Amino acid sequence: MPVHSSEQPDRWAPVVRTERVTPNMQRITLSGGDLTEFESSGVPDERVLLAFPPGGADQRSFTVRRWDPSACEMDIDFAVHAGGAAIRWALQASPGEVLGFSAAAGWYSPPTDTAWQLLVADMTGLPAVGRIVEELPGSAHVHVIAEITAAEDRQQFTTEADVMVTWLHGSGNGTGRSRLAEAARTWPRPSEPGYVWFAGEARTSRDVRHRLRHELGWPANRYDVMGYWRANKEEWVARYETVREQIEAARDSALAAGEDFDAVRDAVDAALERSGL
């Protein structure tokens, strides 16, 4: 998941339960410890930076799937995939082990006049989708497009809102080309004001954001699009290093011109595209 903060985890909490929610989703429940001092951001897609033992040097950003202040419990869901220190830890974790966590922050922020919402996510974004949907009021009208690893990874969400879910499986999630961008593109948008939230692979997120910002001309407050992970990351990083100066020059030029965040992001995305990244 995306890390938009330099804050490092300095608090720790013990594992009290583990659960395989679906074949490819592992849940870790933390309780007590420094969670007694945890302050939720109040945003349903909030994330925390996690530090994994031993030493806490390996850190990743994950969604808080559930926070129960009365029980002082936090659920973190991990998408099961090949490789990765985080999922290896989650699959072998047992009660009594500890996990580090940082302060929380989130992005989900539909405008007050939002008549409908489209939530689009792969397995990494599904925990946030679940919490968003479950916390929606009865007046909300939402369509979810979720790309899961296998049909058995479908989840049931309890909500007061009017929610329809389209499940895609057998694509994306590191197993092949994602269908999320095309599904979001062809989804029939209502004429009333709406809001789109996306979380998934970084390159797919760029496609979705380009569609919303440049093809549809939506203002930035009508969508939040996040790249939670990157396919073939090691290869991508190696290629990025060969063009780092060009990418950073594009960013710095946009910043020097006084551009806003989204315009700077446009400049970086364009430079990445020119570099084949």
Protein backbone atom coordinates (compact mmCIF):
# COMPACT_ATOMS: atom_id res chain seq x y z
CA MET A 1 0.00 0.00 0.00
CA PRO A 2 1.11 3.57 -0.54
CA VAL A 3 3.26 5.30 2.05
CA HIS A 4 2.65 9.05 2.10
CA SER A 5 4.43 9.78 5.37
CA SER A 6 7.96 9.66 6.66
CA GLU A 7 6.74 8.79 10.16
CA GLN A 8 8.26 5.58 11.45
CA PRO A 9 6.46 3.03 13.64
CA ASP A 10 7.41 3.54 17.26
CA ARG A 11 4.59 1.68 18.97
CA TRP A 12 4.01 -2.05 19.36
CA ALA A 13 1.05 -4.31 19.98
CA PRO A 14 0.72 -8.07 20.45
CA VAL A 15 -1.11 -10.46 18.14
CA VAL A 16 -4.17 -12.01 19.83
CA ARG A 17 -5.84 -13.84 16.92
CA THR A 18 -5.22 -14.91 13.34
CA GLU A 19 -7.85 -15.93 10.77
CA ARG A 20 -7.87 -16.97 7.13
CA VAL A 21 -10.79 -14.81 5.97
CA THR A 22 -10.76 -16.29 2.46
CA PRO A 23 -8.22 -18.52 0.69
CA ASN A 24 -6.13 -15.48 -0.22
CA MET A 25 -6.77 -13.08 2.66
CA GLN A 26 -5.13 -13.47 6.08
CA ARG A 27 -6.32 -11.43 9.08
CA ILE A 28 -4.16 -10.50 12.04
CA THR A 29 -5.86 -9.07 15.13
CA LEU A 30 -3.82 -6.93 17.52
CA SER A 31 -4.95 -5.91 20.98
CA GLY A 32 -3.51 -4.05 23.94
CA GLY A 33 0.08 -2.90 24.12
CA ASP A 34 0.55 0.59 22.70
CA LEU A 35 -2.87 0.39 21.00
CA THR A 36 -4.18 2.00 24.19
CA GLU A 37 -2.69 5.21 22.76
CA PHE A 38 -3.84 4.71 19.16
CA GLU A 39 -5.92 7.52 17.66
CA SER A 40 -7.95 6.65 14.60
CA SER A 41 -7.94 9.18 11.79
CA GLY A 42 -11.68 8.59 11.42
CA VAL A 43 -11.19 7.92 7.70
CA PRO A 44 -12.34 4.41 6.69
CA ASP A 45 -9.43 3.74 4.33
CA GLU A 46 -6.92 4.76 6.99
CA ARG A 47 -3.56 3.08 6.88
CA VAL A 48 -0.73 2.55 9.33
CA LEU A 49 2.91 1.87 8.65
CA LEU A 50 3.74 -1.55 10.09
CA ALA A 51 7.13 -2.71 11.34
CA PHE A 52 7.82 -6.44 11.31
CA PRO A 53 10.10 -8.22 13.78
CA PRO A 54 12.87 -8.88 14.29
CA GLY A 55 14.17 -5.33 14.52
CA GLY A 56 11.31 -3.61 12.73
CA ALA A 57 13.52 -2.62 9.80
CA ASP A 58 11.10 -4.03 7.21
CA GLN A 59 8.12 -1.62 7.02
CA ARG A 60 4.99 -1.60 4.90
CA SER A 61 1.78 0.43 4.77
CA PHE A 62 -1.49 -1.45 5.43
CA THR A 63 -5.16 -0.62 5.87
CA VAL A 64 -6.75 -0.75 9.29
CA ARG A 65 -9.59 -3.13 8.40
CA ARG A 66 -11.30 -2.69 11.76
CA TRP A 67 -10.64 -0.55 14.81
CA ASP A 68 -12.60 -1.18 18.01
CA PRO A 69 -11.58 1.37 20.64
CA SER A 70 -13.71 -0.20 23.37
CA ALA A 71 -11.94 -3.56 22.98
CA CYS A 72 -8.66 -1.91 21.97
CA GLU A 73 -8.52 -4.21 18.93
CA MET A 74 -7.21 -3.64 15.42
CA ASP A 75 -7.64 -5.96 12.42
CA ILE A 76 -5.11 -5.89 9.58
CA ASP A 77 -5.87 -7.96 6.46
CA PHE A 78 -3.00 -9.23 4.31
CA ALA A 79 -3.51 -10.30 0.69
CA VAL A 80 -1.80 -13.66 0.23
CA HIS A 81 0.73 -13.65 -2.62
CA ALA A 82 4.05 -15.19 -3.53
CA GLY A 83 7.05 -13.72 -1.74
CA GLY A 84 7.24 -10.64 0.45
CA ALA A 85 8.36 -10.36 4.06
CA ALA A 86 5.02 -8.97 5.25
CA ILE A 87 2.88 -11.86 4.04
CA ARG A 88 5.47 -14.40 5.18
CA TRP A 89 5.23 -12.92 8.66
CA ALA A 90 1.42 -12.80 8.58
CA LEU A 91 1.09 -16.43 7.54
CA GLN A 92 3.26 -17.72 10.39
CA ALA A 93 2.26 -15.18 13.07
CA SER A 94 0.82 -16.56 16.29
CA PRO A 95 -0.66 -15.00 19.44
CA GLY A 96 1.95 -13.29 21.58
CA GLU A 97 4.10 -12.02 18.72
CA VAL A 98 4.29 -8.25 18.30
CA LEU A 99 3.86 -5.85 15.41
CA GLY A 100 4.93 -2.22 15.21
CA PHE A 101 2.56 0.49 13.98
CA SER A 102 2.59 4.22 13.24
CA ALA A 103 -0.05 6.94 13.39
CA ALA A 104 -2.98 6.58 10.98
CA ALA A 105 -3.91 8.57 7.87
CA GLY A 106 -6.36 8.08 4.99
CA TRP A 107 -7.65 9.49 1.70
CA TYR A 108 -11.34 8.62 1.27
CA SER A 109 -13.24 11.93 1.12
CA PRO A 110 -16.38 12.13 -1.06
CA PRO A 111 -17.78 15.65 -1.52
CA THR A 112 -20.95 16.47 0.41
CA ASP A 113 -23.08 16.51 -2.76
CA THR A 114 -22.01 13.00 -3.82
CA ALA A 115 -25.03 11.08 -5.14
CA TRP A 116 -23.15 7.87 -5.99
CA GLN A 117 -19.79 6.24 -5.38
CA LEU A 118 -17.67 3.83 -7.39
CA LEU A 119 -15.13 1.89 -5.33
CA VAL A 120 -12.57 -0.03 -7.40
CA ALA A 121 -9.91 -2.27 -5.87
CA ASP A 122 -7.84 -5.42 -6.18
CA MET A 123 -7.03 -7.71 -3.24
CA THR A 124 -4.75 -5.11 -1.63
CA GLY A 125 -7.51 -2.50 -1.63
CA LEU A 126 -10.30 -4.88 -0.60
CA PRO A 127 -9.79 -4.38 3.17
CA ALA A 128 -10.34 -0.64 2.73
CA VAL A 129 -13.38 -1.25 0.53
CA GLY A 130 -14.84 -3.50 3.19
CA ARG A 131 -14.46 -0.90 5.92
CA ILE A 132 -15.73 1.93 3.72
CA VAL A 133 -18.85 -0.02 2.77
CA GLU A 134 -19.55 -1.17 6.32
CA GLU A 135 -19.37 2.38 7.67
CA LEU A 136 -21.60 3.97 5.00
CA PRO A 137 -24.97 5.44 5.96
CA GLY A 138 -28.22 4.09 4.57
CA SER A 139 -28.50 7.04 2.18
CA ALA A 140 -25.36 6.06 0.23
CA HIS A 141 -25.51 4.45 -3.22
CA VAL A 142 -22.35 2.53 -4.07
CA HIS A 143 -21.05 0.21 -6.74
CA VAL A 144 -17.95 -1.85 -5.95
CA ILE A 145 -15.73 -3.41 -8.60
CA ALA A 146 -13.36 -5.83 -6.88
CA GLU A 147 -10.69 -7.90 -8.60
CA ILE A 148 -9.94 -10.96 -6.48
CA THR A 149 -7.48 -13.78 -6.88
CA ALA A 150 -10.09 -16.57 -6.92
CA ALA A 151 -13.89 -16.76 -6.86
CA GLU A 152 -13.65 -18.07 -3.29
CA ASP A 153 -12.14 -14.73 -2.20
CA ARG A 154 -15.53 -13.01 -2.37
CA GLN A 155 -16.50 -11.41 0.93
CA GLN A 156 -19.80 -10.48 2.52
CA PHE A 157 -20.10 -6.92 3.83
CA THR A 158 -22.73 -5.87 6.36
CA THR A 159 -23.94 -2.36 5.57
CA GLU A 160 -26.95 -0.07 5.73
CA ALA A 161 -26.08 1.43 2.33
CA ASP A 162 -27.37 0.49 -1.10
CA VAL A 163 -24.37 -1.48 -2.39
CA MET A 164 -23.86 -3.56 -5.52
CA VAL A 165 -20.64 -5.54 -6.00
CA THR A 166 -19.11 -6.75 -9.27
CA TRP A 167 -16.52 -9.45 -8.61
CA LEU A 168 -13.74 -10.09 -11.12
CA HIS A 169 -11.45 -13.06 -10.59
CA GLY A 170 -8.61 -14.81 -12.36
CA SER A 171 -6.92 -11.57 -13.40
CA GLY A 172 -4.67 -8.95 -11.83
CA ASN A 173 -3.24 -9.41 -8.34
CA GLY A 174 0.10 -10.46 -9.78
CA THR A 175 -1.40 -13.33 -11.79
CA GLY A 176 -1.94 -11.48 -15.07
CA ARG A 177 -3.22 -8.29 -16.64
CA SER A 178 -5.70 -6.39 -14.48
CA ARG A 179 -9.21 -5.75 -15.77
CA LEU A 180 -9.96 -2.98 -13.30
CA ALA A 181 -9.15 0.00 -15.52
CA GLU A 182 -11.37 -1.26 -18.33
CA ALA A 183 -14.16 -2.16 -15.89
CA ALA A 184 -14.04 1.34 -14.41
CA ARG A 185 -13.95 2.88 -17.88
CA THR A 186 -17.02 1.03 -19.15
CA TRP A 187 -19.10 1.29 -15.97
CA PRO A 188 -22.23 3.36 -16.80
CA ARG A 189 -21.89 6.53 -14.76
CA PRO A 190 -25.05 8.19 -13.45
CA SER A 191 -25.59 11.82 -14.43
CA GLU A 192 -25.60 13.09 -10.84
CA PRO A 193 -22.38 14.18 -9.08
CA GLY A 194 -20.28 11.20 -8.01
CA TYR A 195 -17.03 10.10 -6.42
CA VAL A 196 -14.52 7.42 -7.45
CA TRP A 197 -12.09 5.70 -5.10
CA PHE A 198 -9.44 3.35 -6.50
CA ALA A 199 -6.71 1.26 -4.90
CA GLY A 200 -4.58 -1.30 -6.71
CA GLU A 201 -1.47 -1.77 -8.83
CA ALA A 202 0.43 1.47 -9.55
CA ARG A 203 0.35 1.36 -13.36
CA THR A 204 -3.37 0.54 -13.35
CA SER A 205 -3.97 3.44 -10.98
CA ARG A 206 -2.32 5.80 -13.50
CA ASP A 207 -4.70 4.58 -16.20
CA VAL A 208 -7.74 5.18 -13.98
CA ARG A 209 -6.56 8.60 -12.87
CA HIS A 210 -5.83 9.65 -16.47
CA ARG A 211 -9.35 8.67 -17.45
CA LEU A 212 -10.93 10.67 -14.63
CA ARG A 213 -8.72 13.75 -14.78
CA HIS A 214 -7.90 14.13 -18.45
CA GLU A 215 -10.60 12.30 -20.40
CA LEU A 216 -13.58 13.14 -18.20
CA GLY A 217 -12.15 16.40 -16.84
CA TRP A 218 -13.10 15.68 -13.25
CA PRO A 219 -11.83 18.00 -10.49
CA ALA A 220 -9.45 16.43 -7.99
CA ASN A 221 -12.00 16.39 -5.16
CA ARG A 222 -14.16 13.93 -7.13
CA TYR A 223 -11.70 11.04 -6.92
CA ASP A 224 -8.93 9.51 -4.88
CA VAL A 225 -6.73 7.11 -6.85
CA MET A 226 -3.88 5.28 -5.11
CA GLY A 227 -1.28 2.81 -6.28
CA TYR A 228 -0.98 0.35 -3.41
CA TRP A 229 1.71 -1.85 -4.98
CA ARG A 230 3.79 -2.23 -8.13
CA ALA A 231 4.01 -5.24 -10.44
CA ASN A 232 7.55 -6.53 -11.07
CA LYS A 233 8.84 -4.05 -8.52
CA GLU A 234 12.50 -5.04 -8.56
CA GLU A 235 12.67 -4.78 -12.35
CA TRP A 236 10.78 -1.48 -12.26
CA VAL A 237 13.11 0.00 -9.65
CA ALA A 238 16.16 -1.04 -11.65
CA ARG A 239 14.78 0.64 -14.77
CA TYR A 240 13.73 3.71 -12.79
CA GLU A 241 17.26 4.21 -11.54
CA THR A 242 18.45 4.62 -15.13
CA VAL A 243 16.02 7.53 -15.71
CA ARG A 244 15.78 8.93 -12.20
CA GLU A 245 17.29 12.29 -13.18
CA GLN A 246 14.72 12.86 -15.93
CA ILE A 247 11.80 11.96 -13.66
CA GLU A 248 13.01 14.18 -10.84
CA ALA A 249 13.71 17.03 -13.27
CA ALA A 250 10.11 16.86 -14.50
CA ARG A 251 8.88 16.93 -10.91
CA ASP A 252 11.15 19.81 -9.90
CA SER A 253 10.16 21.84 -12.95
CA ALA A 254 6.48 21.51 -12.09
CA LEU A 255 7.15 22.45 -8.48
CA ALA A 256 9.22 25.47 -9.53
CA ALA A 257 6.34 26.60 -11.74
CA GLY A 258 4.10 26.67 -8.68
CA GLU A 259 1.89 23.82 -9.89
CA ASP A 260 -0.55 22.17 -7.47
CA PHE A 261 -0.18 18.58 -6.30
CA ASP A 262 -2.22 17.08 -9.13
CA ALA A 263 -0.34 19.01 -11.81
CA VAL A 264 2.98 17.87 -10.32
CA ARG A 265 1.65 14.32 -10.35
CA ASP A 266 0.70 14.79 -14.01
CA ALA A 267 4.27 15.85 -14.81
CA VAL A 268 5.74 12.83 -13.06
CA ASP A 269 3.27 10.44 -14.69
CA ALA A 270 4.05 11.86 -18.12
CA ALA A 271 7.78 11.47 -17.51
CA LEU A 272 7.25 7.88 -16.40
CA GLU A 273 5.24 7.16 -19.54
CA ARG A 274 7.95 8.66 -21.78
CA SER A 275 10.46 6.41 -20.03
CA GLY A 276 8.32 3.32 -20.58
CA LEU A 277 7.58 2.99 -16.88
